[in-house]
Amino acid sequence: MPRKALAALDIATSAAISVIPEKTVYRQLGSLQLIRRDYGEGASRVWLVVPEVDSDFRYELRPPQVDWIVEKLMKFCTTGGGLRNQTSHEEMRFTDGSSLIFEVVETADAAGMLRCRFVAFNGQQQTAYPTRTEVEAIIRDIAADPSEKS
């Protein structure tokens, strides 16, 4: 393809992509990360990123999985460790055999601290201790329907 035609194609592609109002939100959950990308008109995708497990494991979450995560985090925030009162841990399994586990643990620094563990299908693990600020940011920014934001 001639150089001018390639340049015109690049410009047209860039223009088409820029029409979509895209917004990306990154929120930490301790050392884990949740990424939400809004594509406009209520369309969005959410990923869980786990560093150093299988070269930064990235898993696209379906809406029920996002809801599950947010529900557990909200329960932790509103009850100050209320997950402990119901079960010792809450676990979500992925189709590849990996798990995301939320537990309320006693540490030397704090009672009722939230621990998030990701256990990959190959046994590798990543543990995170998110702060209350991180948890509240996820509830606010990851859970919200983009069409409801002003």
C-alpha atoms as a PDB file:
ATOM      1  CA  MET A   1       0.000   0.000   0.000  1.00  0.00           C
ATOM      2  CA  PRO A   2       1.442   3.432  -0.893  1.00  0.00           C
ATOM      3  CA  ARG A   3       2.747   5.569   1.967  1.00  0.00           C
ATOM      4  CA  LYS A   4       0.059   8.284   1.456  1.00  0.00           C
ATOM      5  CA  ALA A   5      -2.709   5.685   1.599  1.00  0.00           C
ATOM      6  CA  LEU A   6      -1.295   4.279   4.849  1.00  0.00           C
ATOM      7  CA  ALA A   7      -1.117   7.768   6.357  1.00  0.00           C
ATOM      8  CA  ALA A   8      -4.739   8.446   5.346  1.00  0.00           C
ATOM      9  CA  LEU A   9      -5.808   5.118   6.858  1.00  0.00           C
ATOM     10  CA  ASP A  10      -3.993   5.964  10.127  1.00  0.00           C
ATOM     11  CA  ILE A  11      -5.736   9.352  10.295  1.00  0.00           C
ATOM     12  CA  ALA A  12      -9.156   7.818   9.581  1.00  0.00           C
ATOM     13  CA  THR A  13      -8.616   5.092  12.189  1.00  0.00           C
ATOM     14  CA  SER A  14      -7.485   7.613  14.802  1.00  0.00           C
ATOM     15  CA  ALA A  15     -10.509   9.804  14.093  1.00  0.00           C
ATOM     16  CA  ALA A  16     -12.898   6.855  14.404  1.00  0.00           C
ATOM     17  CA  ILE A  17     -11.365   5.775  17.700  1.00  0.00           C
ATOM     18  CA  SER A  18     -11.399   9.289  19.154  1.00  0.00           C
ATOM     19  CA  VAL A  19     -15.166   9.556  18.572  1.00  0.00           C
ATOM     20  CA  ILE A  20     -15.728   7.043  21.382  1.00  0.00           C
ATOM     21  CA  PRO A  21     -15.516   8.926  24.697  1.00  0.00           C
ATOM     22  CA  GLU A  22     -13.368   6.531  26.692  1.00  0.00           C
ATOM     23  CA  LYS A  23     -12.563   6.951  30.376  1.00  0.00           C
ATOM     24  CA  THR A  24     -10.328   4.612  32.337  1.00  0.00           C
ATOM     25  CA  VAL A  25     -10.299   4.405  36.132  1.00  0.00           C
ATOM     26  CA  TYR A  26      -7.511   2.580  37.986  1.00  0.00           C
ATOM     27  CA  ARG A  27      -8.073   1.672  41.644  1.00  0.00           C
ATOM     28  CA  GLN A  28      -5.740  -0.199  43.951  1.00  0.00           C
ATOM     29  CA  LEU A  29      -6.941  -2.989  46.194  1.00  0.00           C
ATOM     30  CA  GLY A  30      -3.720  -3.286  48.157  1.00  0.00           C
ATOM     31  CA  SER A  31      -1.224  -4.655  45.635  1.00  0.00           C
ATOM     32  CA  LEU A  32      -4.057  -5.855  43.379  1.00  0.00           C
ATOM     33  CA  GLN A  33      -5.644  -3.482  40.887  1.00  0.00           C
ATOM     34  CA  LEU A  34      -9.116  -3.048  39.429  1.00  0.00           C
ATOM     35  CA  ILE A  35      -9.425  -1.232  36.125  1.00  0.00           C
ATOM     36  CA  ARG A  36     -12.714   0.081  34.761  1.00  0.00           C
ATOM     37  CA  ARG A  37     -12.909   1.368  31.206  1.00  0.00           C
ATOM     38  CA  ASP A  38     -16.077   3.239  30.248  1.00  0.00           C
ATOM     39  CA  TYR A  39     -16.875   3.421  26.545  1.00  0.00           C
ATOM     40  CA  GLY A  40     -19.870   5.751  26.760  1.00  0.00           C
ATOM     41  CA  GLU A  41     -23.597   5.059  26.610  1.00  0.00           C
ATOM     42  CA  GLY A  42     -23.396   2.762  29.650  1.00  0.00           C
ATOM     43  CA  ALA A  43     -20.874   0.353  28.117  1.00  0.00           C
ATOM     44  CA  SER A  44     -17.924  -0.570  30.309  1.00  0.00           C
ATOM     45  CA  ARG A  45     -15.498  -3.375  31.134  1.00  0.00           C
ATOM     46  CA  VAL A  46     -13.715  -4.184  34.402  1.00  0.00           C
ATOM     47  CA  TRP A  47     -10.465  -6.123  34.866  1.00  0.00           C
ATOM     48  CA  LEU A  48      -8.679  -7.537  37.892  1.00  0.00           C
ATOM     49  CA  VAL A  49      -4.895  -7.200  37.536  1.00  0.00           C
ATOM     50  CA  VAL A  50      -2.610  -9.246  39.771  1.00  0.00           C
ATOM     51  CA  PRO A  51       1.052  -8.230  39.503  1.00  0.00           C
ATOM     52  CA  GLU A  52       3.798 -10.849  39.434  1.00  0.00           C
ATOM     53  CA  VAL A  53       1.434 -13.783  39.001  1.00  0.00           C
ATOM     54  CA  ASP A  54       1.807 -15.183  35.493  1.00  0.00           C
ATOM     55  CA  SER A  55       3.338 -11.924  34.225  1.00  0.00           C
ATOM     56  CA  ASP A  56       0.668  -9.597  35.589  1.00  0.00           C
ATOM     57  CA  PHE A  57      -2.404 -11.821  35.439  1.00  0.00           C
ATOM     58  CA  ARG A  58      -5.324  -9.890  33.952  1.00  0.00           C
ATOM     59  CA  TYR A  59      -8.860 -11.220  34.212  1.00  0.00           C
ATOM     60  CA  GLU A  60     -11.901  -9.542  32.699  1.00  0.00           C
ATOM     61  CA  LEU A  61     -14.695  -9.545  35.256  1.00  0.00           C
ATOM     62  CA  ARG A  62     -18.328 -10.119  34.324  1.00  0.00           C
ATOM     63  CA  PRO A  63     -20.969  -7.879  35.969  1.00  0.00           C
ATOM     64  CA  PRO A  64     -21.953 -10.530  38.572  1.00  0.00           C
ATOM     65  CA  GLN A  65     -18.293 -10.845  39.591  1.00  0.00           C
ATOM     66  CA  VAL A  66     -17.942  -7.073  39.948  1.00  0.00           C
ATOM     67  CA  ASP A  67     -21.151  -7.045  42.005  1.00  0.00           C
ATOM     68  CA  TRP A  68     -19.788  -9.825  44.242  1.00  0.00           C
ATOM     69  CA  ILE A  69     -16.547  -7.922  44.901  1.00  0.00           C
ATOM     70  CA  VAL A  70     -18.380  -4.674  45.616  1.00  0.00           C
ATOM     71  CA  GLU A  71     -20.903  -6.422  47.899  1.00  0.00           C
ATOM     72  CA  LYS A  72     -18.097  -7.927  50.004  1.00  0.00           C
ATOM     73  CA  LEU A  73     -16.218  -4.621  50.178  1.00  0.00           C
ATOM     74  CA  MET A  74     -19.374  -2.715  51.135  1.00  0.00           C
ATOM     75  CA  LYS A  75     -20.130  -5.262  53.856  1.00  0.00           C
ATOM     76  CA  PHE A  76     -16.598  -4.810  55.191  1.00  0.00           C
ATOM     77  CA  CYS A  77     -16.938  -0.993  55.220  1.00  0.00           C
ATOM     78  CA  THR A  78     -20.378  -0.855  56.801  1.00  0.00           C
ATOM     79  CA  THR A  79     -19.793  -3.463  59.504  1.00  0.00           C
ATOM     80  CA  GLY A  80     -16.128  -2.808  60.212  1.00  0.00           C
ATOM     81  CA  GLY A  81     -15.114  -6.372  59.500  1.00  0.00           C
ATOM     82  CA  GLY A  82     -18.560  -7.908  59.180  1.00  0.00           C
ATOM     83  CA  LEU A  83     -17.280 -10.620  56.880  1.00  0.00           C
ATOM     84  CA  ARG A  84     -15.788 -12.248  59.967  1.00  0.00           C
ATOM     85  CA  ASN A  85     -19.203 -12.490  61.608  1.00  0.00           C
ATOM     86  CA  GLN A  86     -20.648 -14.546  58.768  1.00  0.00           C
ATOM     87  CA  THR A  87     -17.863 -16.846  57.582  1.00  0.00           C
ATOM     88  CA  SER A  88     -14.123 -17.057  57.963  1.00  0.00           C
ATOM     89  CA  HIS A  89     -13.628 -16.144  54.331  1.00  0.00           C
ATOM     90  CA  GLU A  90     -15.484 -15.378  51.101  1.00  0.00           C
ATOM     91  CA  GLU A  91     -14.182 -16.916  47.884  1.00  0.00           C
ATOM     92  CA  MET A  92     -14.892 -16.385  44.196  1.00  0.00           C
ATOM     93  CA  ARG A  93     -13.595 -19.011  41.771  1.00  0.00           C
ATOM     94  CA  PHE A  94     -12.725 -18.224  38.182  1.00  0.00           C
ATOM     95  CA  THR A  95     -13.249 -20.623  35.288  1.00  0.00           C
ATOM     96  CA  ASP A  96      -9.520 -21.384  35.049  1.00  0.00           C
ATOM     97  CA  GLY A  97      -9.407 -22.562  38.682  1.00  0.00           C
ATOM     98  CA  SER A  98      -7.993 -19.339  40.152  1.00  0.00           C
ATOM     99  CA  SER A  99      -9.604 -17.812  43.254  1.00  0.00           C
ATOM    100  CA  LEU A 100     -10.089 -14.380  44.785  1.00  0.00           C
ATOM    101  CA  ILE A 101     -10.471 -14.666  48.561  1.00  0.00           C
ATOM    102  CA  PHE A 102     -11.540 -11.974  51.034  1.00  0.00           C
ATOM    103  CA  GLU A 103     -10.802 -12.585  54.713  1.00  0.00           C
ATOM    104  CA  VAL A 104     -10.945 -10.439  57.820  1.00  0.00           C
ATOM    105  CA  VAL A 105      -7.821 -11.118  59.856  1.00  0.00           C
ATOM    106  CA  GLU A 106      -6.253 -10.002  63.097  1.00  0.00           C
ATOM    107  CA  THR A 107      -2.803  -8.452  62.596  1.00  0.00           C
ATOM    108  CA  ALA A 108      -0.251  -6.916  64.924  1.00  0.00           C
ATOM    109  CA  ASP A 109      -1.246  -3.500  63.557  1.00  0.00           C
ATOM    110  CA  ALA A 110      -5.014  -3.762  63.421  1.00  0.00           C
ATOM    111  CA  ALA A 111      -7.935  -5.921  64.434  1.00  0.00           C
ATOM    112  CA  GLY A 112     -10.393  -6.803  61.723  1.00  0.00           C
ATOM    113  CA  MET A 113      -8.158  -5.963  58.765  1.00  0.00           C
ATOM    114  CA  LEU A 114      -9.261  -6.998  55.270  1.00  0.00           C
ATOM    115  CA  ARG A 115      -6.940  -9.406  53.474  1.00  0.00           C
ATOM    116  CA  CYS A 116      -7.409 -10.096  49.764  1.00  0.00           C
ATOM    117  CA  ARG A 117      -5.672 -13.140  48.326  1.00  0.00           C
ATOM    118  CA  PHE A 118      -5.485 -14.154  44.717  1.00  0.00           C
ATOM    119  CA  VAL A 119      -4.517 -17.785  44.163  1.00  0.00           C
ATOM    120  CA  ALA A 120      -3.689 -18.580  40.548  1.00  0.00           C
ATOM    121  CA  PHE A 121      -4.539 -21.914  38.935  1.00  0.00           C
ATOM    122  CA  ASN A 122      -0.835 -22.858  39.142  1.00  0.00           C
ATOM    123  CA  GLY A 123      -0.621 -22.180  42.893  1.00  0.00           C
ATOM    124  CA  GLN A 124       1.079 -18.781  42.736  1.00  0.00           C
ATOM    125  CA  GLN A 125      -0.383 -16.333  45.244  1.00  0.00           C
ATOM    126  CA  GLN A 126      -0.578 -12.599  45.747  1.00  0.00           C
ATOM    127  CA  THR A 127      -1.796 -11.179  49.064  1.00  0.00           C
ATOM    128  CA  ALA A 128      -2.986  -7.617  49.569  1.00  0.00           C
ATOM    129  CA  TYR A 129      -4.103  -5.607  52.588  1.00  0.00           C
ATOM    130  CA  PRO A 130      -6.139  -2.737  51.127  1.00  0.00           C
ATOM    131  CA  THR A 131      -6.705   0.410  53.119  1.00  0.00           C
ATOM    132  CA  ARG A 132     -10.195   1.647  53.907  1.00  0.00           C
ATOM    133  CA  THR A 133      -9.575   4.544  51.490  1.00  0.00           C
ATOM    134  CA  GLU A 134      -8.782   2.085  48.673  1.00  0.00           C
ATOM    135  CA  VAL A 135     -11.894   0.045  49.440  1.00  0.00           C
ATOM    136  CA  GLU A 136     -14.105   3.157  49.464  1.00  0.00           C
ATOM    137  CA  ALA A 137     -12.596   4.333  46.147  1.00  0.00           C
ATOM    138  CA  ILE A 138     -13.422   0.990  44.537  1.00  0.00           C
ATOM    139  CA  ILE A 139     -16.992   1.116  45.807  1.00  0.00           C
ATOM    140  CA  ARG A 140     -17.361   4.678  44.529  1.00  0.00           C
ATOM    141  CA  ASP A 141     -15.565   4.432  41.169  1.00  0.00           C
ATOM    142  CA  ILE A 142     -15.609   0.804  40.032  1.00  0.00           C
ATOM    143  CA  ALA A 143     -19.115  -0.149  41.097  1.00  0.00           C
ATOM    144  CA  ALA A 144     -20.930   2.917  39.817  1.00  0.00           C
ATOM    145  CA  ASP A 145     -22.827   2.726  36.555  1.00  0.00           C
ATOM    146  CA  PRO A 146     -21.064   5.171  34.195  1.00  0.00           C
ATOM    147  CA  SER A 147     -24.416   6.475  32.959  1.00  0.00           C
ATOM    148  CA  GLU A 148     -25.257   7.557  36.538  1.00  0.00           C
ATOM    149  CA  LYS A 149     -22.093   9.647  36.926  1.00  0.00           C
ATOM    150  CA  SER A 150     -22.308  13.348  36.285  1.00  0.00           C
END
